[in-house]
C-alpha atoms as a PDB file:
ATOM      1  CA  UNK A   1     -95.313 -21.254  36.374  1.00  0.00           C
ATOM      2  CA  UNK A   2     -92.675 -18.612  35.615  1.00  0.00           C
ATOM      3  CA  UNK A   3     -89.200 -20.133  35.958  1.00  0.00           C
ATOM      4  CA  UNK A   4     -87.793 -17.384  38.192  1.00  0.00           C
ATOM      5  CA  UNK A   5     -90.667 -17.670  40.647  1.00  0.00           C
ATOM      6  CA  UNK A   6     -90.406 -21.461  40.583  1.00  0.00           C
ATOM      7  CA  UNK A   7     -86.724 -21.339  41.470  1.00  0.00           C
ATOM      8  CA  UNK A   8     -87.442 -18.901  44.291  1.00  0.00           C
ATOM      9  CA  UNK A   9     -89.806 -21.341  45.963  1.00  0.00           C
ATOM     10  CA  UNK A  10     -87.747 -24.461  45.254  1.00  0.00           C
ATOM     11  CA  UNK A  11     -89.511 -25.921  42.220  1.00  0.00           C
ATOM     12  CA  UNK A  12     -87.558 -27.501  39.351  1.00  0.00           C
ATOM     13  CA  UNK A  13     -89.068 -26.832  35.925  1.00  0.00           C
ATOM     14  CA  UNK A  14     -86.197 -27.990  33.702  1.00  0.00           C
ATOM     15  CA  UNK A  15     -87.174 -30.664  31.175  1.00  0.00           C
ATOM     16  CA  UNK A  16     -84.787 -33.367  32.407  1.00  0.00           C
ATOM     17  CA  UNK A  17     -85.835 -33.575  36.055  1.00  0.00           C
ATOM     18  CA  UNK A  18     -89.504 -33.029  35.220  1.00  0.00           C
ATOM     19  CA  UNK A  19     -89.630 -35.731  32.551  1.00  0.00           C
ATOM     20  CA  UNK A  20     -87.666 -38.161  34.699  1.00  0.00           C
ATOM     21  CA  UNK A  21     -90.008 -37.567  37.630  1.00  0.00           C
ATOM     22  CA  UNK A  22     -93.124 -38.080  35.509  1.00  0.00           C
ATOM     23  CA  UNK A  23     -91.757 -41.324  34.051  1.00  0.00           C
ATOM     24  CA  UNK A  24     -90.873 -42.589  37.533  1.00  0.00           C
ATOM     25  CA  UNK A  25     -94.390 -41.807  38.720  1.00  0.00           C
ATOM     26  CA  UNK A  26     -95.994 -43.428  35.686  1.00  0.00           C
ATOM     27  CA  UNK A  27     -94.073 -46.688  36.098  1.00  0.00           C
ATOM     28  CA  UNK A  28     -94.711 -46.722  39.859  1.00  0.00           C
ATOM     29  CA  UNK A  29     -98.447 -46.292  39.243  1.00  0.00           C
ATOM     30  CA  UNK A  30     -99.152 -48.349  36.145  1.00  0.00           C
ATOM     31  CA  UNK A  31     -97.064 -51.488  36.824  1.00  0.00           C
ATOM     32  CA  UNK A  32     -99.040 -52.484  39.941  1.00  0.00           C
ATOM     33  CA  UNK A  33    -102.229 -51.268  38.263  1.00  0.00           C
ATOM     34  CA  UNK A  34    -101.551 -53.589  35.322  1.00  0.00           C
ATOM     35  CA  UNK A  35    -101.024 -56.464  37.756  1.00  0.00           C
ATOM     36  CA  UNK A  36    -104.342 -55.618  39.414  1.00  0.00           C
ATOM     37  CA  UNK A  37    -106.092 -55.610  36.048  1.00  0.00           C
ATOM     38  CA  UNK A  38    -104.547 -59.009  35.241  1.00  0.00           C
ATOM     39  CA  UNK A  39    -105.807 -60.360  38.552  1.00  0.00           C
ATOM     40  CA  UNK A  40    -109.336 -59.197  37.791  1.00  0.00           C
ATOM     41  CA  UNK A  41    -109.163 -60.657  34.289  1.00  0.00           C
ATOM     42  CA  UNK A  42    -107.988 -63.998  35.707  1.00  0.00           C
ATOM     43  CA  UNK A  43    -110.308 -63.967  38.696  1.00  0.00           C
ATOM     44  CA  UNK A  44    -111.856 -67.333  37.903  1.00  0.00           C
ATOM     45  CA  UNK A  45    -108.528 -69.124  38.100  1.00  0.00           C
ATOM     46  CA  UNK A  46    -106.516 -66.870  40.426  1.00  0.00           C
ATOM     47  CA  UNK A  47    -108.981 -65.412  42.931  1.00  0.00           C
ATOM     48  CA  UNK A  48    -107.352 -64.826  46.333  1.00  0.00           C
ATOM     49  CA  UNK A  49    -107.343 -67.712  48.784  1.00  0.00           C
ATOM     50  CA  UNK A  50    -107.484 -67.430  52.572  1.00  0.00           C
ATOM     51  CA  UNK A  51    -103.659 -67.499  52.624  1.00  0.00           C
ATOM     52  CA  UNK A  52    -103.552 -64.695  50.055  1.00  0.00           C
ATOM     53  CA  UNK A  53    -105.803 -62.533  52.231  1.00  0.00           C
ATOM     54  CA  UNK A  54    -103.645 -63.077  55.319  1.00  0.00           C
ATOM     55  CA  UNK A  55    -100.484 -62.197  53.383  1.00  0.00           C
ATOM     56  CA  UNK A  56    -102.274 -59.170  51.874  1.00  0.00           C
ATOM     57  CA  UNK A  57    -103.231 -57.984  55.376  1.00  0.00           C
ATOM     58  CA  UNK A  58     -99.650 -58.446  56.623  1.00  0.00           C
ATOM     59  CA  UNK A  59     -98.059 -56.428  53.821  1.00  0.00           C
ATOM     60  CA  UNK A  60    -100.865 -53.838  53.763  1.00  0.00           C
ATOM     61  CA  UNK A  61    -100.279 -53.158  57.450  1.00  0.00           C
ATOM     62  CA  UNK A  62     -96.505 -52.980  57.037  1.00  0.00           C
ATOM     63  CA  UNK A  63     -96.857 -50.556  54.137  1.00  0.00           C
ATOM     64  CA  UNK A  64     -99.430 -48.375  55.928  1.00  0.00           C
ATOM     65  CA  UNK A  65     -97.070 -48.101  58.887  1.00  0.00           C
ATOM     66  CA  UNK A  66     -94.177 -47.418  56.536  1.00  0.00           C
ATOM     67  CA  UNK A  67     -96.074 -44.543  54.916  1.00  0.00           C
ATOM     68  CA  UNK A  68     -97.621 -43.025  58.048  1.00  0.00           C
ATOM     69  CA  UNK A  69     -95.000 -43.580  60.746  1.00  0.00           C
ATOM     70  CA  UNK A  70     -91.994 -43.861  58.424  1.00  0.00           C
ATOM     71  CA  UNK A  71     -92.190 -41.517  55.454  1.00  0.00           C
ATOM     72  CA  UNK A  72     -94.609 -39.070  57.053  1.00  0.00           C
ATOM     73  CA  UNK A  73     -94.115 -38.719  60.794  1.00  0.00           C
ATOM     74  CA  UNK A  74     -90.423 -39.671  60.971  1.00  0.00           C
ATOM     75  CA  UNK A  75     -88.623 -38.768  57.758  1.00  0.00           C
ATOM     76  CA  UNK A  76     -90.739 -35.723  56.839  1.00  0.00           C
ATOM     77  CA  UNK A  77     -91.643 -34.226  60.215  1.00  0.00           C
ATOM     78  CA  UNK A  78     -89.047 -35.769  62.574  1.00  0.00           C
ATOM     79  CA  UNK A  79     -91.820 -36.238  65.125  1.00  0.00           C
ATOM     80  CA  UNK A  80     -89.789 -38.758  67.164  1.00  0.00           C
ATOM     81  CA  UNK A  81     -86.372 -40.386  67.404  1.00  0.00           C
ATOM     82  CA  UNK A  82     -85.458 -44.019  66.938  1.00  0.00           C
ATOM     83  CA  UNK A  83     -82.600 -46.416  66.312  1.00  0.00           C
ATOM     84  CA  UNK A  84     -80.862 -46.979  62.959  1.00  0.00           C
ATOM     85  CA  UNK A  85     -82.417 -50.448  62.758  1.00  0.00           C
ATOM     86  CA  UNK A  86     -85.994 -49.217  63.088  1.00  0.00           C
ATOM     87  CA  UNK A  87     -85.242 -46.313  60.739  1.00  0.00           C
ATOM     88  CA  UNK A  88     -84.101 -48.840  58.146  1.00  0.00           C
ATOM     89  CA  UNK A  89     -87.231 -50.968  58.606  1.00  0.00           C
ATOM     90  CA  UNK A  90     -89.505 -47.930  58.269  1.00  0.00           C
ATOM     91  CA  UNK A  91     -87.553 -46.731  55.225  1.00  0.00           C
ATOM     92  CA  UNK A  92     -87.971 -50.091  53.465  1.00  0.00           C
ATOM     93  CA  UNK A  93     -91.666 -50.390  54.361  1.00  0.00           C
ATOM     94  CA  UNK A  94     -92.256 -46.825  53.189  1.00  0.00           C
ATOM     95  CA  UNK A  95     -90.403 -47.432  49.939  1.00  0.00           C
ATOM     96  CA  UNK A  96     -92.578 -50.506  49.372  1.00  0.00           C
ATOM     97  CA  UNK A  97     -95.487 -48.078  48.882  1.00  0.00           C
ATOM     98  CA  UNK A  98     -94.007 -47.291  45.440  1.00  0.00           C
ATOM     99  CA  UNK A  99     -94.761 -43.581  45.875  1.00  0.00           C
ATOM    100  CA  UNK A 100     -91.311 -42.392  44.851  1.00  0.00           C
ATOM    101  CA  UNK A 101     -87.866 -42.325  46.497  1.00  0.00           C
ATOM    102  CA  UNK A 102     -87.822 -41.113  50.080  1.00  0.00           C
ATOM    103  CA  UNK A 103     -86.064 -37.828  49.281  1.00  0.00           C
ATOM    104  CA  UNK A 104     -88.616 -37.000  46.593  1.00  0.00           C
ATOM    105  CA  UNK A 105     -91.565 -38.009  48.811  1.00  0.00           C
ATOM    106  CA  UNK A 106     -90.324 -35.845  51.677  1.00  0.00           C
ATOM    107  CA  UNK A 107     -89.618 -32.875  49.393  1.00  0.00           C
ATOM    108  CA  UNK A 108     -93.130 -32.952  47.959  1.00  0.00           C
ATOM    109  CA  UNK A 109     -94.750 -33.214  51.367  1.00  0.00           C
ATOM    110  CA  UNK A 110     -92.689 -30.420  52.915  1.00  0.00           C
ATOM    111  CA  UNK A 111     -93.530 -28.159  49.982  1.00  0.00           C
ATOM    112  CA  UNK A 112     -97.173 -29.069  50.480  1.00  0.00           C
ATOM    113  CA  UNK A 113     -96.947 -27.879  54.094  1.00  0.00           C
ATOM    114  CA  UNK A 114     -95.095 -24.704  53.223  1.00  0.00           C
ATOM    115  CA  UNK A 115     -97.694 -23.693  50.630  1.00  0.00           C
ATOM    116  CA  UNK A 116    -100.806 -25.535  51.810  1.00  0.00           C
ATOM    117  CA  UNK A 117    -103.646 -24.844  49.358  1.00  0.00           C
ATOM    118  CA  UNK A 118    -101.751 -21.908  47.870  1.00  0.00           C
ATOM    119  CA  UNK A 119    -100.441 -21.564  44.297  1.00  0.00           C
ATOM    120  CA  UNK A 120     -97.144 -23.415  44.935  1.00  0.00           C
ATOM    121  CA  UNK A 121     -98.754 -26.398  46.677  1.00  0.00           C
ATOM    122  CA  UNK A 122     -97.847 -29.433  44.503  1.00  0.00           C
ATOM    123  CA  UNK A 123    -101.203 -31.184  44.989  1.00  0.00           C
ATOM    124  CA  UNK A 124    -103.899 -28.819  46.178  1.00  0.00           C
ATOM    125  CA  UNK A 125    -107.426 -29.362  44.804  1.00  0.00           C
ATOM    126  CA  UNK A 126    -107.698 -25.570  44.519  1.00  0.00           C
ATOM    127  CA  UNK A 127    -104.621 -24.695  42.449  1.00  0.00           C
ATOM    128  CA  UNK A 128    -102.883 -26.202  39.407  1.00  0.00           C
ATOM    129  CA  UNK A 129     -99.407 -24.889  38.572  1.00  0.00           C
ATOM    130  CA  UNK A 130    -100.148 -21.526  40.146  1.00  0.00           C
ATOM    131  CA  UNK A 131    -103.587 -21.105  38.597  1.00  0.00           C
ATOM    132  CA  UNK A 132    -106.948 -21.505  40.347  1.00  0.00           C
ATOM    133  CA  UNK A 133    -108.769 -24.666  39.317  1.00  0.00           C
ATOM    134  CA  UNK A 134    -111.638 -24.237  36.882  1.00  0.00           C
ATOM    135  CA  UNK A 135    -113.936 -26.890  38.410  1.00  0.00           C
ATOM    136  CA  UNK A 136    -114.250 -28.893  41.620  1.00  0.00           C
ATOM    137  CA  UNK A 137    -113.875 -32.154  39.690  1.00  0.00           C
ATOM    138  CA  UNK A 138    -110.773 -30.880  37.909  1.00  0.00           C
ATOM    139  CA  UNK A 139    -109.236 -29.857  41.228  1.00  0.00           C
ATOM    140  CA  UNK A 140    -109.909 -33.228  42.800  1.00  0.00           C
ATOM    141  CA  UNK A 141    -108.409 -35.004  39.780  1.00  0.00           C
ATOM    142  CA  UNK A 142    -105.288 -32.874  39.937  1.00  0.00           C
ATOM    143  CA  UNK A 143    -104.779 -33.385  43.690  1.00  0.00           C
ATOM    144  CA  UNK A 144    -105.552 -37.092  43.559  1.00  0.00           C
ATOM    145  CA  UNK A 145    -103.633 -38.153  40.460  1.00  0.00           C
ATOM    146  CA  UNK A 146    -102.910 -35.560  37.797  1.00  0.00           C
ATOM    147  CA  UNK A 147    -100.154 -33.681  39.638  1.00  0.00           C
ATOM    148  CA  UNK A 148     -97.861 -36.725  39.472  1.00  0.00           C
ATOM    149  CA  UNK A 149     -97.970 -36.886  35.677  1.00  0.00           C
ATOM    150  CA  UNK A 150     -98.175 -33.162  34.843  1.00  0.00           C
ATOM    151  CA  UNK A 151     -96.607 -31.282  37.755  1.00  0.00           C
ATOM    152  CA  UNK A 152     -93.134 -29.938  38.348  1.00  0.00           C
ATOM    153  CA  UNK A 153     -90.505 -31.241  40.802  1.00  0.00           C
ATOM    154  CA  UNK A 154     -89.978 -30.220  44.414  1.00  0.00           C
ATOM    155  CA  UNK A 155     -86.235 -29.547  44.691  1.00  0.00           C
ATOM    156  CA  UNK A 156     -84.867 -32.168  47.116  1.00  0.00           C
ATOM    157  CA  UNK A 157     -81.814 -30.024  47.824  1.00  0.00           C
ATOM    158  CA  UNK A 158     -84.157 -27.292  49.040  1.00  0.00           C
ATOM    159  CA  UNK A 159     -86.726 -29.402  50.865  1.00  0.00           C
ATOM    160  CA  UNK A 160     -84.987 -32.660  51.749  1.00  0.00           C
ATOM    161  CA  UNK A 161     -81.259 -31.966  52.127  1.00  0.00           C
ATOM    162  CA  UNK A 162     -81.298 -33.702  55.527  1.00  0.00           C
ATOM    163  CA  UNK A 163     -82.700 -36.838  53.877  1.00  0.00           C
ATOM    164  CA  UNK A 164     -79.811 -36.836  51.442  1.00  0.00           C
ATOM    165  CA  UNK A 165     -77.400 -36.679  54.378  1.00  0.00           C
ATOM    166  CA  UNK A 166     -79.129 -39.611  56.095  1.00  0.00           C
ATOM    167  CA  UNK A 167     -77.262 -42.749  54.924  1.00  0.00           C
ATOM    168  CA  UNK A 168     -80.283 -45.035  55.393  1.00  0.00           C
ATOM    169  CA  UNK A 169     -82.753 -42.781  53.563  1.00  0.00           C
ATOM    170  CA  UNK A 170     -80.203 -42.051  50.851  1.00  0.00           C
ATOM    171  CA  UNK A 171     -79.469 -45.767  50.360  1.00  0.00           C
ATOM    172  CA  UNK A 172     -83.184 -46.486  49.928  1.00  0.00           C
ATOM    173  CA  UNK A 173     -83.727 -43.481  47.652  1.00  0.00           C
ATOM    174  CA  UNK A 174     -80.916 -44.608  45.336  1.00  0.00           C
ATOM    175  CA  UNK A 175     -82.227 -48.172  45.242  1.00  0.00           C
ATOM    176  CA  UNK A 176     -85.870 -47.270  44.784  1.00  0.00           C
ATOM    177  CA  UNK A 177     -86.521 -49.647  41.883  1.00  0.00           C
ATOM    178  CA  UNK A 178     -84.975 -52.610  43.695  1.00  0.00           C
ATOM    179  CA  UNK A 179     -87.229 -51.887  46.666  1.00  0.00           C
ATOM    180  CA  UNK A 180     -90.231 -51.608  44.330  1.00  0.00           C
ATOM    181  CA  UNK A 181     -89.419 -55.035  42.922  1.00  0.00           C
ATOM    182  CA  UNK A 182     -89.118 -56.487  46.428  1.00  0.00           C
ATOM    183  CA  UNK A 183     -92.461 -54.916  47.343  1.00  0.00           C
ATOM    184  CA  UNK A 184     -94.145 -57.092  44.722  1.00  0.00           C
ATOM    185  CA  UNK A 185     -91.939 -60.163  44.975  1.00  0.00           C
ATOM    186  CA  UNK A 186     -91.772 -60.511  48.774  1.00  0.00           C
ATOM    187  CA  UNK A 187     -95.487 -61.424  49.049  1.00  0.00           C
ATOM    188  CA  UNK A 188     -95.037 -63.848  46.150  1.00  0.00           C
ATOM    189  CA  UNK A 189     -92.115 -65.484  47.949  1.00  0.00           C
ATOM    190  CA  UNK A 190     -94.153 -65.869  51.114  1.00  0.00           C
ATOM    191  CA  UNK A 191     -97.013 -67.273  49.039  1.00  0.00           C
ATOM    192  CA  UNK A 192     -94.626 -69.828  47.527  1.00  0.00           C
ATOM    193  CA  UNK A 193     -93.522 -70.865  51.003  1.00  0.00           C
ATOM    194  CA  UNK A 194     -97.073 -71.502  52.236  1.00  0.00           C
ATOM    195  CA  UNK A 195     -98.750 -72.792  49.073  1.00  0.00           C
ATOM    196  CA  UNK A 196     -96.383 -73.367  46.180  1.00  0.00           C
ATOM    197  CA  UNK A 197     -96.402 -71.810  42.722  1.00  0.00           C
ATOM    198  CA  UNK A 198    -100.125 -71.137  42.413  1.00  0.00           C
ATOM    199  CA  UNK A 199    -100.229 -69.296  45.733  1.00  0.00           C
ATOM    200  CA  UNK A 200     -97.129 -67.338  44.738  1.00  0.00           C
ATOM    201  CA  UNK A 201     -98.948 -66.013  41.666  1.00  0.00           C
ATOM    202  CA  UNK A 202    -102.034 -65.148  43.694  1.00  0.00           C
ATOM    203  CA  UNK A 203     -99.900 -63.253  46.172  1.00  0.00           C
ATOM    204  CA  UNK A 204     -98.035 -61.436  43.404  1.00  0.00           C
ATOM    205  CA  UNK A 205    -101.330 -60.225  41.945  1.00  0.00           C
ATOM    206  CA  UNK A 206    -103.306 -59.503  45.117  1.00  0.00           C
ATOM    207  CA  UNK A 207    -100.904 -59.108  48.041  1.00  0.00           C
ATOM    208  CA  UNK A 208     -98.420 -57.379  45.735  1.00  0.00           C
ATOM    209  CA  UNK A 209     -99.916 -55.411  42.849  1.00  0.00           C
ATOM    210  CA  UNK A 210    -103.425 -54.875  44.209  1.00  0.00           C
ATOM    211  CA  UNK A 211    -102.092 -53.948  47.665  1.00  0.00           C
ATOM    212  CA  UNK A 212     -99.850 -51.235  46.204  1.00  0.00           C
ATOM    213  CA  UNK A 213    -102.591 -49.882  43.927  1.00  0.00           C
ATOM    214  CA  UNK A 214    -105.133 -49.798  46.752  1.00  0.00           C
ATOM    215  CA  UNK A 215    -102.803 -47.912  49.079  1.00  0.00           C
ATOM    216  CA  UNK A 216    -101.972 -45.534  46.246  1.00  0.00           C
ATOM    217  CA  UNK A 217    -105.643 -44.615  46.028  1.00  0.00           C
ATOM    218  CA  UNK A 218    -106.107 -44.270  49.775  1.00  0.00           C
ATOM    219  CA  UNK A 219    -102.981 -42.130  50.190  1.00  0.00           C
ATOM    220  CA  UNK A 220    -103.855 -39.897  47.238  1.00  0.00           C
ATOM    221  CA  UNK A 221    -107.357 -39.468  48.645  1.00  0.00           C
ATOM    222  CA  UNK A 222    -105.825 -37.560  51.577  1.00  0.00           C
ATOM    223  CA  UNK A 223    -104.520 -35.016  49.053  1.00  0.00           C
ATOM    224  CA  UNK A 224    -107.850 -34.713  47.244  1.00  0.00           C
ATOM    225  CA  UNK A 225    -110.838 -35.648  49.442  1.00  0.00           C
ATOM    226  CA  UNK A 226    -108.870 -34.919  52.625  1.00  0.00           C
ATOM    227  CA  UNK A 227    -108.673 -31.281  51.566  1.00  0.00           C
ATOM    228  CA  UNK A 228    -112.305 -31.102  50.498  1.00  0.00           C
ATOM    229  CA  UNK A 229    -114.582 -33.288  52.625  1.00  0.00           C
ATOM    230  CA  UNK A 230    -114.610 -33.618  56.394  1.00  0.00           C
ATOM    231  CA  UNK A 231    -114.339 -31.404  59.445  1.00  0.00           C
ATOM    232  CA  UNK A 232    -111.875 -28.628  60.224  1.00  0.00           C
ATOM    233  CA  UNK A 233    -110.241 -27.832  63.558  1.00  0.00           C
ATOM    234  CA  UNK A 234    -109.893 -24.387  65.180  1.00  0.00           C
ATOM    235  CA  UNK A 235    -106.766 -22.640  63.922  1.00  0.00           C
ATOM    236  CA  UNK A 236    -106.365 -25.080  61.071  1.00  0.00           C
ATOM    237  CA  UNK A 237    -104.092 -24.333  58.120  1.00  0.00           C
ATOM    238  CA  UNK A 238    -105.471 -24.423  54.582  1.00  0.00           C
ATOM    239  CA  UNK A 239    -108.345 -26.703  53.677  1.00  0.00           C
ATOM    240  CA  UNK A 240    -107.135 -29.892  55.377  1.00  0.00           C
ATOM    241  CA  UNK A 241    -110.008 -31.918  56.851  1.00  0.00           C
ATOM    242  CA  UNK A 242    -110.384 -34.656  59.415  1.00  0.00           C
ATOM    243  CA  UNK A 243    -111.986 -37.434  57.385  1.00  0.00           C
ATOM    244  CA  UNK A 244    -113.292 -40.407  59.369  1.00  0.00           C
ATOM    245  CA  UNK A 245    -113.091 -42.940  56.529  1.00  0.00           C
ATOM    246  CA  UNK A 246    -109.549 -41.971  55.559  1.00  0.00           C
ATOM    247  CA  UNK A 247    -108.471 -41.987  59.198  1.00  0.00           C
ATOM    248  CA  UNK A 248    -109.660 -45.597  59.556  1.00  0.00           C
ATOM    249  CA  UNK A 249    -108.231 -46.808  56.261  1.00  0.00           C
ATOM    250  CA  UNK A 250    -104.830 -45.126  56.681  1.00  0.00           C
ATOM    251  CA  UNK A 251    -104.242 -45.769  60.386  1.00  0.00           C
ATOM    252  CA  UNK A 252    -104.882 -42.183  61.482  1.00  0.00           C
ATOM    253  CA  UNK A 253    -103.304 -40.262  58.595  1.00  0.00           C
ATOM    254  CA  UNK A 254    -106.776 -39.072  57.554  1.00  0.00           C
ATOM    255  CA  UNK A 255    -106.927 -36.776  60.589  1.00  0.00           C
ATOM    256  CA  UNK A 256    -105.607 -34.189  58.204  1.00  0.00           C
ATOM    257  CA  UNK A 257    -106.994 -30.982  59.677  1.00  0.00           C
ATOM    258  CA  UNK A 258    -105.378 -31.818  63.004  1.00  0.00           C
ATOM    259  CA  UNK A 259    -102.144 -32.719  61.233  1.00  0.00           C
ATOM    260  CA  UNK A 260    -101.986 -29.406  59.386  1.00  0.00           C
ATOM    261  CA  UNK A 261    -102.660 -27.608  62.675  1.00  0.00           C
ATOM    262  CA  UNK A 262     -99.862 -29.572  64.403  1.00  0.00           C
ATOM    263  CA  UNK A 263     -97.610 -30.988  61.657  1.00  0.00           C
ATOM    264  CA  UNK A 264     -94.706 -31.975  63.923  1.00  0.00           C
ATOM    265  CA  UNK A 265     -96.891 -33.915  66.382  1.00  0.00           C
ATOM    266  CA  UNK A 266     -96.214 -37.647  66.523  1.00  0.00           C
ATOM    267  CA  UNK A 267     -99.747 -38.298  67.788  1.00  0.00           C
ATOM    268  CA  UNK A 268    -102.946 -37.167  66.137  1.00  0.00           C
ATOM    269  CA  UNK A 269    -106.270 -36.492  67.819  1.00  0.00           C
ATOM    270  CA  UNK A 270    -108.759 -37.939  68.500  1.00  0.00           C
ATOM    271  CA  UNK A 271    -106.381 -40.637  69.703  1.00  0.00           C
ATOM    272  CA  UNK A 272    -108.848 -43.505  69.239  1.00  0.00           C
ATOM    273  CA  UNK A 273    -108.816 -42.875  65.472  1.00  0.00           C
ATOM    274  CA  UNK A 274    -105.024 -42.684  65.273  1.00  0.00           C
ATOM    275  CA  UNK A 275    -103.775 -46.275  65.038  1.00  0.00           C
ATOM    276  CA  UNK A 276    -100.298 -45.127  64.019  1.00  0.00           C
ATOM    277  CA  UNK A 277    -100.232 -42.956  67.126  1.00  0.00           C
ATOM    278  CA  UNK A 278    -101.202 -45.946  69.264  1.00  0.00           C
ATOM    279  CA  UNK A 279     -98.425 -47.970  67.647  1.00  0.00           C
ATOM    280  CA  UNK A 280     -95.946 -45.190  68.425  1.00  0.00           C
ATOM    281  CA  UNK A 281     -97.119 -45.106  72.065  1.00  0.00           C
ATOM    282  CA  UNK A 282     -96.533 -48.850  72.320  1.00  0.00           C
ATOM    283  CA  UNK A 283     -93.126 -48.525  70.696  1.00  0.00           C
ATOM    284  CA  UNK A 284     -92.237 -45.780  73.180  1.00  0.00           C
ATOM    285  CA  UNK A 285     -93.184 -48.020  76.112  1.00  0.00           C
ATOM    286  CA  UNK A 286     -90.938 -50.735  74.658  1.00  0.00           C
ATOM    287  CA  UNK A 287     -88.059 -48.291  74.213  1.00  0.00           C
ATOM    288  CA  UNK A 288     -88.075 -48.586  70.427  1.00  0.00           C
ATOM    289  CA  UNK A 289     -88.822 -44.879  69.878  1.00  0.00           C
ATOM    290  CA  UNK A 290     -88.391 -41.858  72.086  1.00  0.00           C
ATOM    291  CA  UNK A 291     -88.805 -38.102  72.111  1.00  0.00           C
ATOM    292  CA  UNK A 292     -92.373 -38.187  70.815  1.00  0.00           C
ATOM    293  CA  UNK A 293     -93.421 -34.650  69.966  1.00  0.00           C
ATOM    294  CA  UNK A 294     -96.936 -33.721  71.031  1.00  0.00           C
ATOM    295  CA  UNK A 295     -99.188 -30.740  70.445  1.00  0.00           C
ATOM    296  CA  UNK A 296     -99.672 -28.226  73.275  1.00  0.00           C
END
């Protein structure tokens, strides 16, 4: 991408920020992936127990809510209002996903919406750095994974300046690596409490590393398969699709065609496939969130 054009649309191409971003992504991806590989290699001795599975389910759910309700619907799209305490909880749970600091996550996603499936989209399966993809497989690879290790940087000052003025989001963004460590160690600590040292190791491998790696894959699949396979909605933007499997696995975030049609909506449709939307409705009834934005 030509530097002048990149600057015009809020993309950083300088070596320092780009290299730093790619290293951050690589560590965030490959550390939990290495832990998952170790768990598979040691399956005979360290296969998950019933306690491991319960702890996995607990942290998986917290992280899915942190991504969908926290990073996505609140911090990126401001689809509702809430208290500082719940903002902090959502910020921590979202950071536990190990998908980058909040300001960087928000900047990427807002750029994605501004240029959905156009040359400046950071993770479209149809464009790579301003050039049309050569093959369907290559496009899916880029949107699912490759863009994080080869792409440029969405300028957070351009796309996420409000996040940098938010003391909670800024605190979490600046302490990203500490939150990543806690994402892996918190399940291990809970495992230690319920089953001692052996359960702590199981929870580190399965409720920690495997959980993060699995949610990486599911989240990235919205960028790749969620823009390729599924149904569109009338008036939809770009190639976003409503994908039933992704909607179930990611608590409603796979209703991607609807989301691109109504990006600021707190509630996706169909409502019965939007678990995050149901959670937000319950929170609204309890007075924990308010001002839910809805589509016309």
